[in-house]
PDB file of N, CA and C in Angstrom:
ATOM      1  N   MET A   1       0.847  -1.170   0.000  1.00  0.00           N
ATOM      2  CA  MET A   1       0.000   0.000   0.000  1.00  0.00           C
ATOM      3  C   MET A   1       0.897   1.239   0.000  1.00  0.00           C
ATOM      4  N   PRO A   2       0.612   2.200  -0.867  1.00  0.00           N
ATOM      5  CA  PRO A   2       1.398   3.442  -0.870  1.00  0.00           C
ATOM      6  C   PRO A   2       1.276   4.165   0.474  1.00  0.00           C
ATOM      7  N   LYS A   3       2.383   4.753   0.903  1.00  0.00           N
ATOM      8  CA  LYS A   3       2.394   5.361   2.238  1.00  0.00           C
ATOM      9  C   LYS A   3       1.432   6.536   2.368  1.00  0.00           C
ATOM     10  N   MET A   4       1.263   7.320   1.322  1.00  0.00           N
ATOM     11  CA  MET A   4       0.350   8.466   1.422  1.00  0.00           C
ATOM     12  C   MET A   4      -1.106   8.011   1.523  1.00  0.00           C
ATOM     13  N   LEU A   5      -1.427   6.910   0.859  1.00  0.00           N
ATOM     14  CA  LEU A   5      -2.778   6.352   0.972  1.00  0.00           C
ATOM     15  C   LEU A   5      -3.014   5.844   2.389  1.00  0.00           C
ATOM     16  N   ALA A   6      -2.021   5.182   2.955  1.00  0.00           N
ATOM     17  CA  ALA A   6      -2.163   4.639   4.307  1.00  0.00           C
ATOM     18  C   ALA A   6      -2.358   5.746   5.333  1.00  0.00           C
ATOM     19  N   ILE A   7      -1.570   6.813   5.262  1.00  0.00           N
ATOM     20  CA  ILE A   7      -1.715   7.887   6.246  1.00  0.00           C
ATOM     21  C   ILE A   7      -3.021   8.649   6.026  1.00  0.00           C
ATOM     22  N   GLY A   8      -3.443   8.775   4.777  1.00  0.00           N
ATOM     23  CA  GLY A   8      -4.719   9.438   4.499  1.00  0.00           C
ATOM     24  C   GLY A   8      -5.898   8.663   5.049  1.00  0.00           C
ATOM     25  N   LEU A   9      -5.895   7.354   4.837  1.00  0.00           N
ATOM     26  CA  LEU A   9      -6.978   6.520   5.362  1.00  0.00           C
ATOM     27  C   LEU A   9      -6.949   6.469   6.885  1.00  0.00           C
ATOM     28  N   GLY A  10      -5.761   6.426   7.450  1.00  0.00           N
ATOM     29  CA  GLY A  10      -5.652   6.434   8.907  1.00  0.00           C
ATOM     30  C   GLY A  10      -6.201   7.716   9.509  1.00  0.00           C
ATOM     31  N   THR A  11      -5.882   8.835   8.893  1.00  0.00           N
ATOM     32  CA  THR A  11      -6.391  10.126   9.365  1.00  0.00           C
ATOM     33  C   THR A  11      -7.904  10.208   9.224  1.00  0.00           C
ATOM     34  N   ALA A  12      -8.421   9.746   8.093  1.00  0.00           N
ATOM     35  CA  ALA A  12      -9.875   9.762   7.876  1.00  0.00           C
ATOM     36  C   ALA A  12     -10.592   8.898   8.909  1.00  0.00           C
ATOM     37  N   CYS A  13     -10.012   7.758   9.240  1.00  0.00           N
ATOM     38  CA  CYS A  13     -10.627   6.881  10.242  1.00  0.00           C
ATOM     39  C   CYS A  13     -10.639   7.522  11.623  1.00  0.00           C
ATOM     40  N   VAL A  14      -9.569   8.198  11.984  1.00  0.00           N
ATOM     41  CA  VAL A  14      -9.517   8.839  13.298  1.00  0.00           C
ATOM     42  C   VAL A  14     -10.509  10.000  13.365  1.00  0.00           C
ATOM     43  N   VAL A  15     -10.608  10.782  12.306  1.00  0.00           N
ATOM     44  CA  VAL A  15     -11.590  11.877  12.273  1.00  0.00           C
ATOM     45  C   VAL A  15     -13.001  11.310  12.359  1.00  0.00           C
ATOM     46  N   ALA A  16     -13.260  10.238  11.618  1.00  0.00           N
ATOM     47  CA  ALA A  16     -14.577   9.598  11.674  1.00  0.00           C
ATOM     48  C   ALA A  16     -14.857   9.060  13.072  1.00  0.00           C
ATOM     49  N   ALA A  17     -13.838   8.521  13.725  1.00  0.00           N
ATOM     50  CA  ALA A  17     -14.023   7.992  15.077  1.00  0.00           C
ATOM     51  C   ALA A  17     -14.429   9.091  16.053  1.00  0.00           C
ATOM     52  N   VAL A  18     -13.791  10.240  15.935  1.00  0.00           N
ATOM     53  CA  VAL A  18     -14.144  11.359  16.820  1.00  0.00           C
ATOM     54  C   VAL A  18     -15.577  11.806  16.565  1.00  0.00           C
ATOM     55  N   LEU A  19     -15.942  11.930  15.300  1.00  0.00           N
ATOM     56  CA  LEU A  19     -17.307  12.352  14.973  1.00  0.00           C
ATOM     57  C   LEU A  19     -18.338  11.322  15.434  1.00  0.00           C
ATOM     58  N   LEU A  20     -18.028  10.049  15.272  1.00  0.00           N
ATOM     59  CA  LEU A  20     -18.940   9.004  15.736  1.00  0.00           C
ATOM     60  C   LEU A  20     -19.069   9.014  17.254  1.00  0.00           C
ATOM     61  N   PHE A  21     -17.968   9.214  17.950  1.00  0.00           N
ATOM     62  CA  PHE A  21     -18.007   9.252  19.409  1.00  0.00           C
ATOM     63  C   PHE A  21     -18.847  10.424  19.904  1.00  0.00           C
ATOM     64  N   VAL A  22     -18.658  11.581  19.282  1.00  0.00           N
ATOM     65  CA  VAL A  22     -19.428  12.763  19.673  1.00  0.00           C
ATOM     66  C   VAL A  22     -20.913  12.559  19.387  1.00  0.00           C
ATOM     67  N   SER A  23     -21.219  11.822  18.319  1.00  0.00           N
ATOM     68  CA  SER A  23     -22.609  11.560  17.954  1.00  0.00           C
ATOM     69  C   SER A  23     -23.253  10.493  18.832  1.00  0.00           C
ATOM     70  N   GLY A  24     -22.460   9.790  19.614  1.00  0.00           N
ATOM     71  CA  GLY A  24     -23.013   8.783  20.502  1.00  0.00           C
ATOM     72  C   GLY A  24     -22.852   7.358  20.016  1.00  0.00           C
ATOM     73  N   TYR A  25     -22.218   7.169  18.888  1.00  0.00           N
ATOM     74  CA  TYR A  25     -22.004   5.831  18.343  1.00  0.00           C
ATOM     75  C   TYR A  25     -20.645   5.310  18.824  1.00  0.00           C
ATOM     76  N   VAL A  26     -20.610   4.902  20.076  1.00  0.00           N
ATOM     77  CA  VAL A  26     -19.343   4.538  20.706  1.00  0.00           C
ATOM     78  C   VAL A  26     -18.752   3.280  20.081  1.00  0.00           C
ATOM     79  N   ALA A  27     -19.575   2.271  19.831  1.00  0.00           N
ATOM     80  CA  ALA A  27     -19.066   1.017  19.263  1.00  0.00           C
ATOM     81  C   ALA A  27     -18.462   1.253  17.879  1.00  0.00           C
ATOM     82  N   ALA A  28     -19.138   2.044  17.064  1.00  0.00           N
ATOM     83  CA  ALA A  28     -18.613   2.350  15.731  1.00  0.00           C
ATOM     84  C   ALA A  28     -17.333   3.178  15.832  1.00  0.00           C
ATOM     85  N   ALA A  29     -17.257   4.045  16.825  1.00  0.00           N
ATOM     86  CA  ALA A  29     -16.049   4.848  17.023  1.00  0.00           C
ATOM     87  C   ALA A  29     -14.861   3.962  17.390  1.00  0.00           C
ATOM     88  N   ILE A  30     -15.107   2.946  18.202  1.00  0.00           N
ATOM     89  CA  ILE A  30     -14.028   2.028  18.577  1.00  0.00           C
ATOM     90  C   ILE A  30     -13.519   1.276  17.356  1.00  0.00           C
ATOM     91  N   VAL A  31     -14.431   0.825  16.507  1.00  0.00           N
ATOM     92  CA  VAL A  31     -14.039   0.124  15.278  1.00  0.00           C
ATOM     93  C   VAL A  31     -13.239   1.055  14.369  1.00  0.00           C
ATOM     94  N   ALA A  32     -13.657   2.307  14.261  1.00  0.00           N
ATOM     95  CA  ALA A  32     -12.948   3.268  13.416  1.00  0.00           C
ATOM     96  C   ALA A  32     -11.549   3.556  13.960  1.00  0.00           C
ATOM     97  N   VAL A  33     -11.402   3.609  15.265  1.00  0.00           N
ATOM     98  CA  VAL A  33     -10.078   3.828  15.857  1.00  0.00           C
ATOM     99  C   VAL A  33      -9.167   2.640  15.570  1.00  0.00           C
ATOM    100  N   ILE A  34      -9.701   1.437  15.669  1.00  0.00           N
ATOM    101  CA  ILE A  34      -8.901   0.239  15.378  1.00  0.00           C
ATOM    102  C   ILE A  34      -8.472   0.231  13.915  1.00  0.00           C
ATOM    103  N   ALA A  35      -9.390   0.564  13.014  1.00  0.00           N
ATOM    104  CA  ALA A  35      -9.044   0.625  11.589  1.00  0.00           C
ATOM    105  C   ALA A  35      -8.005   1.719  11.335  1.00  0.00           C
ATOM    106  N   GLY A  36      -8.162   2.865  11.965  1.00  0.00           N
ATOM    107  CA  GLY A  36      -7.195   3.948  11.807  1.00  0.00           C
ATOM    108  C   GLY A  36      -5.817   3.560  12.301  1.00  0.00           C
ATOM    109  N   THR A  37      -5.770   2.836  13.406  1.00  0.00           N
ATOM    110  CA  THR A  37      -4.489   2.362  13.931  1.00  0.00           C
ATOM    111  C   THR A  37      -3.822   1.398  12.959  1.00  0.00           C
ATOM    112  N   ALA A  38      -4.618   0.523  12.354  1.00  0.00           N
ATOM    113  CA  ALA A  38      -4.064  -0.426  11.382  1.00  0.00           C
ATOM    114  C   ALA A  38      -3.454   0.310  10.191  1.00  0.00           C
ATOM    115  N   PHE A  39      -4.155   1.323   9.687  1.00  0.00           N
ATOM    116  CA  PHE A  39      -3.621   2.085   8.554  1.00  0.00           C
ATOM    117  C   PHE A  39      -2.379   2.880   8.951  1.00  0.00           C
ATOM    118  N   ASP A  40      -2.356   3.404  10.173  1.00  0.00           N
ATOM    119  CA  ASP A  40      -1.167   4.128  10.629  1.00  0.00           C
ATOM    120  C   ASP A  40       0.030   3.189  10.766  1.00  0.00           C
ATOM    121  N   LEU A  41      -0.214   1.964  11.201  1.00  0.00           N
ATOM    122  CA  LEU A  41       0.872   0.987  11.277  1.00  0.00           C
ATOM    123  C   LEU A  41       1.379   0.614   9.889  1.00  0.00           C
ATOM    124  N   LEU A  42       0.476   0.539   8.910  1.00  0.00           N
ATOM    125  CA  LEU A  42       0.905   0.293   7.533  1.00  0.00           C
ATOM    126  C   LEU A  42       1.767   1.446   7.019  1.00  0.00           C
ATOM    127  N   PHE A  43       1.426   2.674   7.413  1.00  0.00           N
ATOM    128  CA  PHE A  43       2.217   3.840   7.036  1.00  0.00           C
ATOM    129  C   PHE A  43       3.630   3.744   7.613  1.00  0.00           C
ATOM    130  N   VAL A  44       3.724   3.378   8.887  1.00  0.00           N
ATOM    131  CA  VAL A  44       5.034   3.242   9.526  1.00  0.00           C
ATOM    132  C   VAL A  44       5.841   2.143   8.852  1.00  0.00           C
ATOM    133  N   LYS A  45       5.197   1.031   8.510  1.00  0.00           N
ATOM    134  CA  LYS A  45       5.887  -0.060   7.821  1.00  0.00           C
ATOM    135  C   LYS A  45       6.410   0.407   6.468  1.00  0.00           C
ATOM    136  N   ALA A  46       5.605   1.188   5.736  1.00  0.00           N
ATOM    137  CA  ALA A  46       6.040   1.696   4.436  1.00  0.00           C
ATOM    138  C   ALA A  46       7.234   2.637   4.590  1.00  0.00           C
ATOM    139  N   LEU A  47       7.230   3.462   5.625  1.00  0.00           N
ATOM    140  CA  LEU A  47       8.372   4.346   5.874  1.00  0.00           C
ATOM    141  C   LEU A  47       9.630   3.549   6.190  1.00  0.00           C
ATOM    142  N   ARG A  48       9.492   2.519   7.007  1.00  0.00           N
ATOM    143  CA  ARG A  48      10.660   1.692   7.352  1.00  0.00           C
ATOM    144  C   ARG A  48      11.190   0.962   6.130  1.00  0.00           C
ATOM    145  N   ASP A  49      10.284   0.427   5.309  1.00  0.00           N
ATOM    146  CA  ASP A  49      10.715  -0.273   4.101  1.00  0.00           C
ATOM    147  C   ASP A  49      11.437   0.674   3.150  1.00  0.00           C
ATOM    148  N   GLU A  50      10.915   1.894   3.023  1.00  0.00           N
ATOM    149  CA  GLU A  50      11.529   2.889   2.151  1.00  0.00           C
ATOM    150  C   GLU A  50      12.913   3.284   2.669  1.00  0.00           C
ATOM    151  N   ARG A  51      13.021   3.446   3.954  1.00  0.00           N
ATOM    152  CA  ARG A  51      14.293   3.845   4.556  1.00  0.00           C
ATOM    153  C   ARG A  51      15.327   2.727   4.445  1.00  0.00           C
ATOM    154  N   SER A  52      14.907   1.489   4.677  1.00  0.00           N
ATOM    155  CA  SER A  52      15.862   0.377   4.603  1.00  0.00           C
ATOM    156  C   SER A  52      16.290   0.112   3.166  1.00  0.00           C
ATOM    157  N   ALA A  53      15.432   0.377   2.197  1.00  0.00           N
ATOM    158  CA  ALA A  53      15.802   0.203   0.790  1.00  0.00           C
ATOM    159  C   ALA A  53      16.841   1.248   0.377  1.00  0.00           C
ATOM    160  N   GLY A  54      16.786   2.429   0.967  1.00  0.00           N
ATOM    161  CA  GLY A  54      17.738   3.483   0.648  1.00  0.00           C
ATOM    162  C   GLY A  54      19.121   3.228   1.210  1.00  0.00           C
ATOM    163  N   ARG A  55      19.228   2.409   2.229  1.00  0.00           N
ATOM    164  CA  ARG A  55      20.516   2.127   2.868  1.00  0.00           C
ATOM    165  C   ARG A  55      21.272   0.999   2.184  1.00  0.00           C
ATOM    166  N   ARG A  56      20.627   0.280   1.312  1.00  0.00           N
ATOM    167  CA  ARG A  56      21.283  -0.865   0.656  1.00  0.00           C
ATOM    168  C   ARG A  56      22.187  -0.429  -0.445  1.00  0.00           C
TER     169      ARG A  56
END
């Protein structure tokens, strides 16, 4: 997954989680936070892969 797509989706999920929580949809907000965390971890993995490829 491209790193910019991963960070964009992660950010969108976190924003959606906040809006869902404020609206009272706590369960959906928890799911959105988990999805956002997964996308943020994919972003970090892409950064590490890019950095390690540059050192070779």
